[in-house]
Amino acid sequence: MTTTVAKAYEELSYPGVSLPQMHPSLLAAVAALFDLQATPVERCRVLELGCGDGTSLISMAFELPESRFLGVDLTAAAIEEASGNAATLGLQNIEFRRMDILEADARLGQFDYIISHGVFTWVPEAVREKLLWLCRELLAPNGVAYVSYNARPGGDLRMMWRDMMLFHIPSEGPPLERVRQARALVQMIAEAKAGNEFYQQLTQWQRERIDRLSDALLFHDDLGPAHRPFYFHEFMQRAERHGLQYLGEADFFSMSDLRLPAAVRETLAQIPGIVAREQYMDFLTGRTFRQTLLCHRAVQLDRTVRPERLEGLCFASPAEPASPQPAIASDAVEEFHVGENVTVKTPHPLAKAMFVALGEAWPADLRFAELRARVSQLIGATDARELAEGLLNIIATRPVVVFGTRPHACATTVSERPRLNPIARMQLEAGRPSVTSLRHFSVDARDPLFRAVLSLLDGERDRAAIADALAAAIESGKVPGPPAGAGGGARPLRVQIAEDIGRNLRDIVRMGLLIA
């Protein structure tokens, strides 16, 4: 079965991805909330099991030059690409090895953080057991392991569609043809609009999900030879057999019951044991995916999250007020946009002040003391404990404020001659559909005009030169764009670009793509 899985990845490469939840800074911060003092990320050892093309690990190694990183993967082509990219960037603190997880052992060394994303659900049973064994054997005494997997009960809906697609497509053949036929089946079912109302809604939801997936993601994640979701208690039974215990979730807010009705919270509080309570949370929310953090069984955790533990952390949020002049100090309700699809409304002066302070600093992180100082400037002297309690309430209820143990190093303003970070430039030149932010997330870069702007951010051109080069590329037909003078009274192309470039560069800065 391992050979079958390897063959699938050789036939169609899996796209690399960076997720903030995988970063050691976030893992250490969640550990700190439960009173586990993990190794400082500035000088740590990180292992990624199933590293693919190294996209995530390279981003970490670039940011943390005094730390050491090792990535292992079964696919030779992925390891070759990862090693080549690390060499191109001149990284001396990272190594990639082609290795079957079944063959890995204690000779790999000891690590402060072990990461395995997108592996557990999609590998044979023997590999799952070995992965957890490695987490125990290779993890430092105060280490943190991250393991992601598809969760039940929500994952069962995805399995239903997997079964239908696998029934429809040939068992063998070119990957892209199998993907094409799978998409055709989903489209046919969605367009039929048959069945009861619930089935039609479910069909539409699945069609939208599958439409968002690239061919490679659909082929490996939904049509792969091995695929099994797990109830949380099942996963933890396996982990506990290997001497590991539950630490928490990388998406910390998902652990909180504050978004549930009071009566439900009271019932949950009566359920003994964190694992059982988390399992019932999955029942309540229909959870489909988990990013579970583990540590050694011998570690003593304090699950009463105390506000003072936030004082050693950093915080960030892309929040922007809907109003150009929000009433921060009053009890008036203000609306904040956090990213593209999340909106928060609050009347609380402290919450409003935090959102304004963090939003103005984004993409930079603010240490707790810095955030307190800025909040105090907005609403008056703010007690440290009051601020910590307010922050804890926010991060426990919605994913609108991210946190970690150290700030990310990225430009926060547009310099005279803006420069794209080296990782993103390398990915852009390689034709990758996404590029990596210095905040450790992937940015969609499929739009040709966006790619053209990014390619011009070489640290040599000022805004005028960038606008001139972009206009020339559009006029020559190398880059698609609006024709000059389109729409009768529309602005001429060069005037439009010159006027819009400042806004576009501001957006790129807020993506964390520019290097200081």
Protein backbone atom coordinates (compact mmCIF):
# COMPACT_ATOMS: atom_id res chain seq x y z
CA MET A 1 0.00 0.00 0.00
CA THR A 2 2.90 2.37 0.73
CA THR A 3 4.11 1.79 -2.84
CA THR A 4 0.64 2.67 -4.16
CA VAL A 5 0.60 5.92 -2.18
CA ALA A 6 4.09 6.82 -3.43
CA LYS A 7 3.07 6.12 -7.04
CA ALA A 8 0.09 8.47 -6.73
CA TYR A 9 2.36 11.33 -5.62
CA GLU A 10 4.87 10.59 -8.37
CA GLU A 11 2.10 10.72 -10.99
CA LEU A 12 0.80 14.13 -9.87
CA SER A 13 2.81 16.23 -7.45
CA TYR A 14 1.08 17.55 -4.34
CA PRO A 15 1.13 21.36 -4.04
CA GLY A 16 3.12 22.74 -1.12
CA VAL A 17 1.35 24.88 1.45
CA SER A 18 2.20 27.09 4.40
CA LEU A 19 -0.22 27.35 7.31
CA PRO A 20 0.26 29.62 10.35
CA GLN A 21 -1.06 26.82 12.56
CA MET A 22 2.02 24.70 11.72
CA HIS A 23 4.55 27.33 12.81
CA PRO A 24 6.56 26.57 15.98
CA SER A 25 5.75 30.05 17.30
CA LEU A 26 2.04 29.18 17.38
CA LEU A 27 2.66 25.70 18.80
CA ALA A 28 4.80 27.16 21.59
CA ALA A 29 2.15 29.80 22.33
CA VAL A 30 -0.66 27.25 22.71
CA ALA A 31 1.64 25.19 24.94
CA ALA A 32 2.30 28.27 27.09
CA LEU A 33 -1.43 28.81 27.63
CA PHE A 34 -1.55 25.37 29.29
CA ASP A 35 1.63 26.02 31.29
CA LEU A 36 3.98 23.95 29.12
CA GLN A 37 7.18 25.90 28.52
CA ALA A 38 8.29 24.65 25.11
CA THR A 39 11.75 25.36 23.70
CA PRO A 40 12.07 28.96 22.42
CA VAL A 41 11.58 28.93 18.67
CA GLU A 42 14.61 31.15 18.04
CA ARG A 43 16.85 28.13 18.74
CA CYS A 44 14.87 24.95 18.28
CA ARG A 45 14.88 21.70 16.32
CA VAL A 46 11.95 20.97 13.98
CA LEU A 47 11.06 17.76 12.13
CA GLU A 48 8.38 17.54 9.45
CA LEU A 49 7.10 14.07 8.60
CA GLY A 50 5.69 14.16 5.09
CA CYS A 51 7.25 17.48 4.12
CA GLY A 52 6.40 17.30 0.40
CA ASP A 53 8.26 19.95 -1.56
CA GLY A 54 9.33 21.69 1.65
CA THR A 55 7.24 24.83 1.21
CA SER A 56 6.31 25.11 4.88
CA LEU A 57 9.64 24.09 6.37
CA ILE A 58 11.64 26.40 4.07
CA SER A 59 9.53 29.36 5.20
CA MET A 60 10.31 28.52 8.84
CA ALA A 61 14.01 28.01 8.18
CA PHE A 62 14.23 31.34 6.37
CA GLU A 63 12.65 33.13 9.33
CA LEU A 64 14.56 31.27 12.09
CA PRO A 65 18.21 31.06 10.97
CA GLU A 66 19.49 29.83 14.38
CA SER A 67 17.08 26.86 14.45
CA ARG A 68 17.53 23.51 12.70
CA PHE A 69 15.02 21.86 10.37
CA LEU A 70 14.69 18.37 8.90
CA GLY A 71 12.04 17.27 6.41
CA VAL A 72 11.42 13.69 5.29
CA ASP A 73 9.11 12.47 2.54
CA LEU A 74 8.53 9.33 0.51
CA THR A 75 8.48 11.08 -2.86
CA ALA A 76 11.89 11.49 -4.49
CA ALA A 77 10.79 14.30 -6.81
CA ALA A 78 9.42 16.33 -3.89
CA ILE A 79 12.63 15.94 -1.89
CA GLU A 80 14.71 16.93 -4.91
CA GLU A 81 12.62 20.07 -5.38
CA ALA A 82 12.76 20.92 -1.68
CA SER A 83 16.55 20.53 -1.54
CA GLY A 84 16.97 22.62 -4.69
CA ASN A 85 14.79 25.42 -3.35
CA ALA A 86 16.66 25.50 -0.03
CA ALA A 87 19.96 25.69 -1.94
CA THR A 88 18.65 28.50 -4.14
CA LEU A 89 17.82 30.51 -1.02
CA GLY A 90 21.18 29.72 0.54
CA LEU A 91 19.65 28.14 3.63
CA GLN A 92 22.23 26.34 5.76
CA ASN A 93 19.91 25.29 8.59
CA ILE A 94 17.66 22.84 6.75
CA GLU A 95 17.96 19.32 5.35
CA PHE A 96 15.62 17.12 3.34
CA ARG A 97 15.77 13.32 3.12
CA ARG A 98 13.85 10.85 1.02
CA MET A 99 12.55 8.33 3.53
CA ASP A 100 9.61 6.04 4.15
CA ILE A 101 8.13 6.86 7.56
CA LEU A 102 8.13 3.12 8.23
CA GLU A 103 11.93 3.16 7.97
CA ALA A 104 12.48 6.18 10.23
CA ASP A 105 13.88 5.59 13.70
CA ALA A 106 15.64 7.25 16.64
CA ARG A 107 18.74 7.92 14.53
CA LEU A 108 16.97 10.99 13.16
CA GLY A 109 17.65 12.69 16.50
CA GLN A 110 15.53 14.56 19.00
CA PHE A 111 13.25 17.46 18.13
CA ASP A 112 11.46 20.22 20.00
CA TYR A 113 8.65 20.36 17.45
CA ILE A 114 7.37 17.59 15.17
CA ILE A 115 4.92 18.49 12.40
CA SER A 116 2.85 16.18 10.22
CA HIS A 117 0.23 17.89 8.09
CA GLY A 118 -1.96 16.11 5.56
CA VAL A 119 -0.49 12.66 6.26
CA PHE A 120 -2.36 10.76 8.98
CA THR A 121 -5.69 10.42 7.14
CA TRP A 122 -4.09 9.56 3.80
CA VAL A 123 -1.63 6.76 4.63
CA PRO A 124 -1.89 3.03 5.43
CA GLU A 125 -2.57 1.91 8.99
CA ALA A 126 1.01 0.85 9.67
CA VAL A 127 2.26 4.33 8.76
CA ARG A 128 -0.23 5.97 11.13
CA GLU A 129 1.03 3.88 14.02
CA LYS A 130 4.66 4.53 13.13
CA LEU A 131 4.03 8.27 12.88
CA LEU A 132 2.72 8.37 16.46
CA TRP A 133 5.60 6.14 17.60
CA LEU A 134 8.04 8.65 16.12
CA CYS A 135 6.27 11.49 17.92
CA ARG A 136 6.97 9.73 21.20
CA GLU A 137 10.50 8.54 20.44
CA LEU A 138 11.84 11.71 18.79
CA LEU A 139 10.03 14.40 20.77
CA ALA A 140 12.02 16.31 23.40
CA PRO A 141 10.68 16.07 26.99
CA ASN A 142 8.94 19.46 26.68
CA GLY A 143 8.28 19.10 22.95
CA VAL A 144 5.08 19.65 20.97
CA ALA A 145 3.84 17.50 18.09
CA TYR A 146 1.30 18.69 15.49
CA VAL A 147 -0.77 16.07 13.65
CA SER A 148 -3.64 17.01 11.33
CA TYR A 149 -6.36 14.66 10.08
CA ASN A 150 -9.91 14.60 8.77
CA ALA A 151 -12.35 14.34 11.65
CA ARG A 152 -15.71 12.72 12.12
CA PRO A 153 -18.62 13.24 12.14
CA GLY A 154 -18.21 15.99 9.51
CA GLY A 155 -15.66 13.96 7.56
CA ASP A 156 -18.26 11.27 6.91
CA LEU A 157 -20.09 13.60 4.51
CA ARG A 158 -16.87 14.00 2.54
CA MET A 159 -16.41 10.22 2.52
CA MET A 160 -19.86 9.82 0.96
CA TRP A 161 -18.78 11.91 -2.00
CA ARG A 162 -15.43 10.15 -2.20
CA ASP A 163 -17.25 6.82 -2.48
CA MET A 164 -19.49 8.09 -5.26
CA MET A 165 -16.58 9.56 -7.24
CA LEU A 166 -14.51 6.38 -6.86
CA PHE A 167 -17.47 4.31 -8.05
CA HIS A 168 -17.74 6.51 -11.14
CA ILE A 169 -14.13 6.87 -12.25
CA PRO A 170 -11.81 4.11 -13.54
CA SER A 171 -9.64 2.48 -10.89
CA GLU A 172 -6.52 3.25 -12.92
CA GLY A 173 -5.49 5.69 -15.59
CA PRO A 174 -4.02 9.18 -15.99
CA PRO A 175 -4.64 11.23 -12.82
CA LEU A 176 -6.02 14.29 -14.64
CA GLU A 177 -8.51 12.16 -16.58
CA ARG A 178 -9.73 10.55 -13.36
CA VAL A 179 -10.09 14.01 -11.84
CA ARG A 180 -12.01 15.23 -14.90
CA GLN A 181 -14.49 12.40 -14.64
CA ALA A 182 -14.91 12.92 -10.89
CA ARG A 183 -15.72 16.59 -11.44
CA ALA A 184 -18.18 15.65 -14.18
CA LEU A 185 -20.07 13.38 -11.79
CA VAL A 186 -20.31 16.05 -9.12
CA GLN A 187 -21.53 18.58 -11.68
CA MET A 188 -24.18 16.16 -13.00
CA ILE A 189 -25.52 15.46 -9.51
CA ALA A 190 -25.59 19.16 -8.63
CA GLU A 191 -27.35 20.17 -11.85
CA ALA A 192 -29.95 17.41 -11.53
CA LYS A 193 -31.33 19.09 -8.39
CA ALA A 194 -33.00 15.82 -7.50
CA GLY A 195 -33.61 14.30 -4.09
CA ASN A 196 -34.96 16.09 -1.05
CA GLU A 197 -34.06 19.63 -0.05
CA PHE A 198 -31.37 18.53 2.39
CA TYR A 199 -29.63 16.42 -0.26
CA GLN A 200 -29.71 19.29 -2.74
CA GLN A 201 -28.16 21.65 -0.18
CA LEU A 202 -25.49 19.09 0.65
CA THR A 203 -24.79 18.59 -3.04
CA GLN A 204 -24.36 22.30 -3.63
CA TRP A 205 -22.02 22.60 -0.65
CA GLN A 206 -19.87 19.73 -1.88
CA ARG A 207 -19.82 21.06 -5.42
CA GLU A 208 -18.56 24.43 -4.19
CA ARG A 209 -15.91 22.73 -2.04
CA ILE A 210 -14.69 20.53 -4.87
CA ASP A 211 -14.70 23.45 -7.34
CA ARG A 212 -12.28 25.29 -5.05
CA LEU A 213 -9.83 22.38 -5.03
CA SER A 214 -6.99 22.23 -7.53
CA ASP A 215 -6.74 19.03 -9.58
CA ALA A 216 -3.82 17.87 -7.45
CA LEU A 217 -5.69 18.44 -4.18
CA LEU A 218 -8.80 16.64 -5.44
CA PHE A 219 -6.72 13.72 -6.71
CA HIS A 220 -4.76 13.20 -3.50
CA ASP A 221 -7.15 14.39 -0.78
CA ASP A 222 -10.44 12.96 -2.05
CA LEU A 223 -9.48 10.24 -4.54
CA GLY A 224 -6.27 8.94 -2.97
CA PRO A 225 -5.78 5.20 -2.33
CA ALA A 226 -5.86 5.65 1.47
CA HIS A 227 -8.36 7.93 3.18
CA ARG A 228 -9.95 7.61 6.59
CA PRO A 229 -11.44 10.23 8.93
CA PHE A 230 -11.29 9.67 12.69
CA TYR A 231 -13.39 10.47 15.68
CA PHE A 232 -11.26 12.49 18.05
CA HIS A 233 -11.49 9.87 20.80
CA GLU A 234 -10.24 7.23 18.33
CA PHE A 235 -7.22 9.35 17.45
CA MET A 236 -6.45 10.00 21.10
CA GLN A 237 -6.71 6.31 22.01
CA ARG A 238 -3.95 5.68 19.48
CA ALA A 239 -1.85 8.59 20.73
CA GLU A 240 -2.22 7.51 24.36
CA ARG A 241 -1.04 3.99 23.51
CA HIS A 242 2.19 5.66 22.41
CA GLY A 243 2.67 7.57 25.66
CA LEU A 244 1.31 10.87 24.35
CA GLN A 245 -1.38 13.13 25.77
CA TYR A 246 -3.65 15.80 24.37
CA LEU A 247 -2.25 19.31 24.60
CA GLY A 248 -4.73 21.31 22.52
CA GLU A 249 -5.59 22.45 19.02
CA ALA A 250 -3.53 24.65 16.75
CA ASP A 251 -6.77 26.51 16.00
CA PHE A 252 -7.16 27.38 19.67
CA PHE A 253 -10.57 29.05 19.34
CA SER A 254 -12.12 25.71 18.35
CA MET A 255 -11.54 24.43 21.90
CA SER A 256 -13.75 27.06 23.47
CA ASP A 257 -17.43 26.53 24.25
CA LEU A 258 -18.11 30.27 24.63
CA ARG A 259 -19.92 30.38 21.29
CA LEU A 260 -22.44 27.78 22.49
CA PRO A 261 -25.70 28.43 24.42
CA ALA A 262 -25.33 28.62 28.19
CA ALA A 263 -27.37 25.45 28.79
CA VAL A 264 -25.12 23.47 26.45
CA ARG A 265 -22.00 24.82 28.16
CA GLU A 266 -23.36 23.70 31.52
CA THR A 267 -23.92 20.19 30.18
CA LEU A 268 -20.45 20.01 28.66
CA ALA A 269 -18.88 21.13 31.95
CA GLN A 270 -20.32 18.03 33.63
CA ILE A 271 -18.58 15.66 31.21
CA PRO A 272 -15.40 14.28 32.83
CA GLY A 273 -12.15 14.48 30.88
CA ILE A 274 -10.86 16.84 28.20
CA VAL A 275 -10.93 14.16 25.48
CA ALA A 276 -14.58 13.34 26.05
CA ARG A 277 -15.54 17.03 26.14
CA GLU A 278 -13.67 17.69 22.91
CA GLN A 279 -15.43 14.74 21.29
CA TYR A 280 -18.82 16.13 22.24
CA MET A 281 -17.74 19.50 20.82
CA ASP A 282 -17.15 17.74 17.50
CA PHE A 283 -20.63 16.23 17.69
CA LEU A 284 -22.10 19.68 18.28
CA THR A 285 -20.21 21.42 15.48
CA GLY A 286 -20.00 18.64 12.87
CA ARG A 287 -16.24 19.07 12.78
CA THR A 288 -14.47 17.97 9.60
CA PHE A 289 -10.78 18.60 10.33
CA ARG A 290 -8.45 18.73 13.32
CA GLN A 291 -4.95 20.10 13.90
CA THR A 292 -4.20 18.35 17.18
CA LEU A 293 -1.21 19.12 19.40
CA LEU A 294 0.32 16.36 21.50
CA CYS A 295 2.97 16.21 24.23
CA HIS A 296 4.47 13.52 26.44
CA ARG A 297 2.20 11.89 29.00
CA ALA A 298 4.61 12.82 31.81
CA VAL A 299 4.12 16.56 31.24
CA GLN A 300 1.98 18.26 33.89
CA LEU A 301 -0.50 20.59 32.22
CA ASP A 302 -2.68 23.25 33.82
CA ARG A 303 -5.85 23.52 31.75
CA THR A 304 -7.09 26.58 33.57
CA VAL A 305 -5.92 29.17 31.07
CA ARG A 306 -4.80 32.10 33.21
CA PRO A 307 -4.84 35.59 31.64
CA GLU A 308 -1.30 36.37 32.83
CA ARG A 309 0.07 33.68 30.50
CA LEU A 310 -0.81 35.90 27.56
CA GLU A 311 1.63 38.56 28.72
CA GLY A 312 4.60 36.77 27.17
CA LEU A 313 2.98 36.41 23.75
CA CYS A 314 2.64 38.45 20.54
CA PHE A 315 -0.65 39.25 18.81
CA ALA A 316 -1.75 40.29 15.33
CA SER A 317 -4.94 40.88 13.38
CA PRO A 318 -5.78 42.33 9.93
CA ALA A 319 -8.90 43.95 11.41
CA GLU A 320 -10.06 47.14 9.70
CA PRO A 321 -12.96 49.30 10.94
CA ALA A 322 -15.89 49.71 8.58
CA SER A 323 -16.16 53.34 9.68
CA PRO A 324 -13.37 55.77 8.75
CA GLN A 325 -13.65 57.23 12.26
CA PRO A 326 -14.82 54.52 14.67
CA ALA A 327 -16.16 55.61 18.06
CA ILE A 328 -13.67 53.66 20.13
CA ALA A 329 -14.14 55.06 23.62
CA SER A 330 -17.97 55.00 23.61
CA ASP A 331 -20.41 52.10 23.85
CA ALA A 332 -21.47 52.51 20.21
CA VAL A 333 -21.38 49.32 18.15
CA GLU A 334 -18.56 49.31 15.60
CA GLU A 335 -17.98 46.83 12.80
CA PHE A 336 -14.58 45.43 11.85
CA HIS A 337 -13.64 43.43 8.77
CA VAL A 338 -11.09 40.70 9.47
CA GLY A 339 -9.83 39.29 6.19
CA GLU A 340 -12.21 38.79 3.29
CA ASN A 341 -15.13 36.92 4.84
CA VAL A 342 -15.18 37.65 8.58
CA THR A 343 -16.98 40.56 10.24
CA VAL A 344 -16.97 41.38 13.94
CA LYS A 345 -19.35 43.80 15.67
CA THR A 346 -18.71 44.99 19.21
CA PRO A 347 -19.74 47.87 21.51
CA HIS A 348 -16.92 47.27 24.01
CA PRO A 349 -14.27 50.02 24.06
CA LEU A 350 -11.48 47.61 25.02
CA ALA A 351 -12.25 45.21 22.16
CA LYS A 352 -12.57 48.09 19.69
CA ALA A 353 -9.28 49.57 20.85
CA MET A 354 -7.53 46.21 20.47
CA PHE A 355 -8.87 45.73 16.95
CA VAL A 356 -7.83 49.24 15.92
CA ALA A 357 -4.35 48.90 17.45
CA LEU A 358 -3.72 45.48 15.93
CA GLY A 359 -5.19 46.43 12.57
CA GLU A 360 -3.01 49.52 12.29
CA ALA A 361 0.10 47.46 13.08
CA TRP A 362 -0.72 44.59 10.69
CA PRO A 363 1.11 42.69 9.23
CA ALA A 364 3.38 43.22 12.24
CA ASP A 365 2.80 41.52 15.58
CA LEU A 366 2.54 43.50 18.79
CA ARG A 367 4.01 42.19 21.99
CA PHE A 368 1.62 42.34 24.93
CA ALA A 369 3.30 45.44 26.40
CA GLU A 370 3.20 47.21 23.03
CA LEU A 371 -0.47 46.39 22.58
CA ARG A 372 -1.25 47.63 26.09
CA ALA A 373 0.52 50.91 25.37
CA ARG A 374 -1.41 51.48 22.14
CA VAL A 375 -4.74 50.55 23.69
CA SER A 376 -4.06 52.95 26.56
CA GLN A 377 -3.47 55.75 24.06
CA LEU A 378 -6.90 55.08 22.55
CA ILE A 379 -9.09 54.63 25.64
CA GLY A 380 -6.95 55.63 28.59
CA ALA A 381 -4.85 53.67 31.06
CA THR A 382 -5.56 49.95 30.69
CA ASP A 383 -4.82 47.37 33.38
CA ALA A 384 -2.66 44.45 32.21
CA ARG A 385 -5.03 41.83 33.58
CA GLU A 386 -8.06 43.52 32.02
CA LEU A 387 -6.31 43.54 28.65
CA ALA A 388 -5.27 39.89 29.01
CA GLU A 389 -8.81 38.85 29.89
CA GLY A 390 -10.16 40.75 26.89
CA LEU A 391 -7.62 39.13 24.58
CA LEU A 392 -8.37 35.69 25.96
CA ASN A 393 -12.07 36.18 25.35
CA ILE A 394 -11.40 37.17 21.73
CA ILE A 395 -8.95 34.40 20.80
CA ALA A 396 -11.19 31.80 22.46
CA THR A 397 -14.31 32.69 20.52
CA ARG A 398 -13.38 33.57 16.92
CA PRO A 399 -10.30 33.20 14.70
CA VAL A 400 -9.80 36.96 14.37
CA VAL A 401 -6.60 37.48 16.38
CA VAL A 402 -3.55 35.29 15.82
CA PHE A 403 -0.85 34.85 18.42
CA GLY A 404 2.61 33.40 18.88
CA THR A 405 5.77 33.67 20.93
CA ARG A 406 7.74 35.96 18.60
CA PRO A 407 7.00 38.60 15.95
CA HIS A 408 7.23 37.77 12.26
CA ALA A 409 9.75 39.85 10.31
CA CYS A 410 8.05 41.49 7.34
CA ALA A 411 7.72 45.00 5.97
CA THR A 412 4.86 47.01 7.46
CA THR A 413 5.06 49.99 5.10
CA VAL A 414 5.76 50.43 1.41
CA SER A 415 9.39 51.48 1.08
CA GLU A 416 10.66 53.75 -1.68
CA ARG A 417 11.77 50.68 -3.64
CA PRO A 418 9.63 47.74 -2.41
CA ARG A 419 11.09 44.22 -2.54
CA LEU A 420 9.23 40.91 -2.65
CA ASN A 421 10.52 38.37 -0.15
CA PRO A 422 12.98 35.86 -1.69
CA ILE A 423 10.78 32.80 -1.10
CA ALA A 424 7.82 34.36 -2.91
CA ARG A 425 10.05 35.51 -5.78
CA MET A 426 11.49 32.02 -6.20
CA GLN A 427 7.98 30.54 -6.25
CA LEU A 428 6.78 33.18 -8.70
CA GLU A 429 9.64 32.50 -11.10
CA ALA A 430 8.98 28.76 -10.85
CA GLY A 431 5.37 29.32 -11.98
CA ARG A 432 3.82 28.29 -8.66
CA PRO A 433 0.12 29.24 -8.34
CA SER A 434 0.65 30.61 -4.83
CA VAL A 435 3.44 32.41 -3.00
CA THR A 436 4.42 32.36 0.66
CA SER A 437 3.84 35.30 2.97
CA LEU A 438 6.36 36.10 5.68
CA ARG A 439 3.46 35.48 8.05
CA HIS A 440 3.63 31.84 6.96
CA PHE A 441 0.48 31.58 4.86
CA SER A 442 0.00 30.97 1.15
CA VAL A 443 -1.26 33.79 -1.08
CA ASP A 444 -3.14 32.95 -4.29
CA ALA A 445 -1.07 34.29 -7.19
CA ARG A 446 -2.91 32.89 -10.20
CA ASP A 447 -4.10 36.28 -11.44
CA PRO A 448 -1.70 37.33 -14.26
CA LEU A 449 -1.89 41.04 -13.40
CA PHE A 450 -1.12 40.37 -9.74
CA ARG A 451 1.82 38.18 -10.75
CA ALA A 452 3.11 40.94 -13.00
CA VAL A 453 3.04 43.47 -10.15
CA LEU A 454 4.83 41.07 -7.81
CA SER A 455 7.54 40.38 -10.39
CA LEU A 456 8.35 44.10 -10.56
CA LEU A 457 8.98 44.39 -6.80
CA ASP A 458 12.72 43.77 -7.07
CA GLY A 459 14.00 46.47 -4.71
CA GLU A 460 15.33 48.47 -7.66
CA ARG A 461 12.19 50.19 -8.93
CA ASP A 462 10.29 53.02 -7.24
CA ARG A 463 6.53 53.43 -7.64
CA ALA A 464 6.80 55.41 -10.86
CA ALA A 465 9.09 52.81 -12.43
CA ILE A 466 6.78 49.99 -11.32
CA ALA A 467 3.77 51.75 -12.86
CA ASP A 468 5.63 52.44 -16.12
CA ALA A 469 6.83 48.85 -16.45
CA LEU A 470 3.37 47.46 -15.71
CA ALA A 471 1.71 49.77 -18.23
CA ALA A 472 4.28 48.77 -20.87
CA ALA A 473 3.65 45.08 -20.22
CA ILE A 474 -0.11 45.55 -20.61
CA GLU A 475 0.23 47.65 -23.75
CA SER A 476 2.53 45.06 -25.34
CA GLY A 477 0.05 42.28 -24.63
CA LYS A 478 2.39 40.40 -22.28
CA VAL A 479 0.00 40.95 -19.39
CA PRO A 480 -3.80 41.13 -19.67
CA GLY A 481 -5.31 44.39 -18.51
CA PRO A 482 -7.89 47.05 -19.38
CA PRO A 483 -7.17 48.80 -22.71
CA ALA A 484 -6.22 52.46 -22.49
CA GLY A 485 -9.24 54.74 -22.54
CA ALA A 486 -11.73 51.87 -22.25
CA GLY A 487 -15.29 52.85 -21.50
CA GLY A 488 -15.27 56.25 -23.21
CA GLY A 489 -14.65 58.50 -20.23
CA ALA A 490 -12.50 55.99 -18.41
CA ARG A 491 -9.06 57.02 -17.26
CA PRO A 492 -6.21 56.36 -19.70
CA LEU A 493 -4.33 53.17 -18.82
CA ARG A 494 -1.12 54.82 -17.59
CA VAL A 495 -3.06 57.32 -15.48
CA GLN A 496 -5.16 54.52 -14.01
CA ILE A 497 -2.11 52.42 -13.11
CA ALA A 498 -0.23 55.36 -11.63
CA GLU A 499 -3.22 56.25 -9.45
CA ASP A 500 -3.92 52.65 -8.39
CA ILE A 501 -0.40 51.44 -7.70
CA GLY A 502 -0.29 52.91 -4.19
CA ARG A 503 -3.43 51.03 -3.15
CA ASN A 504 -2.16 47.83 -4.75
CA LEU A 505 1.17 48.07 -2.94
CA ARG A 506 -0.62 48.69 0.35
CA ASP A 507 -2.59 45.48 -0.19
CA ILE A 508 0.62 43.58 -0.92
CA VAL A 509 2.22 44.92 2.26
CA ARG A 510 -0.78 43.73 4.30
CA MET A 511 -0.35 40.27 2.78
CA GLY A 512 3.06 40.14 4.43
CA LEU A 513 4.80 39.60 1.10
CA LEU A 514 7.40 42.38 1.29
CA ILE A 515 10.69 42.18 3.09
CA ALA A 516 11.86 45.10 5.20
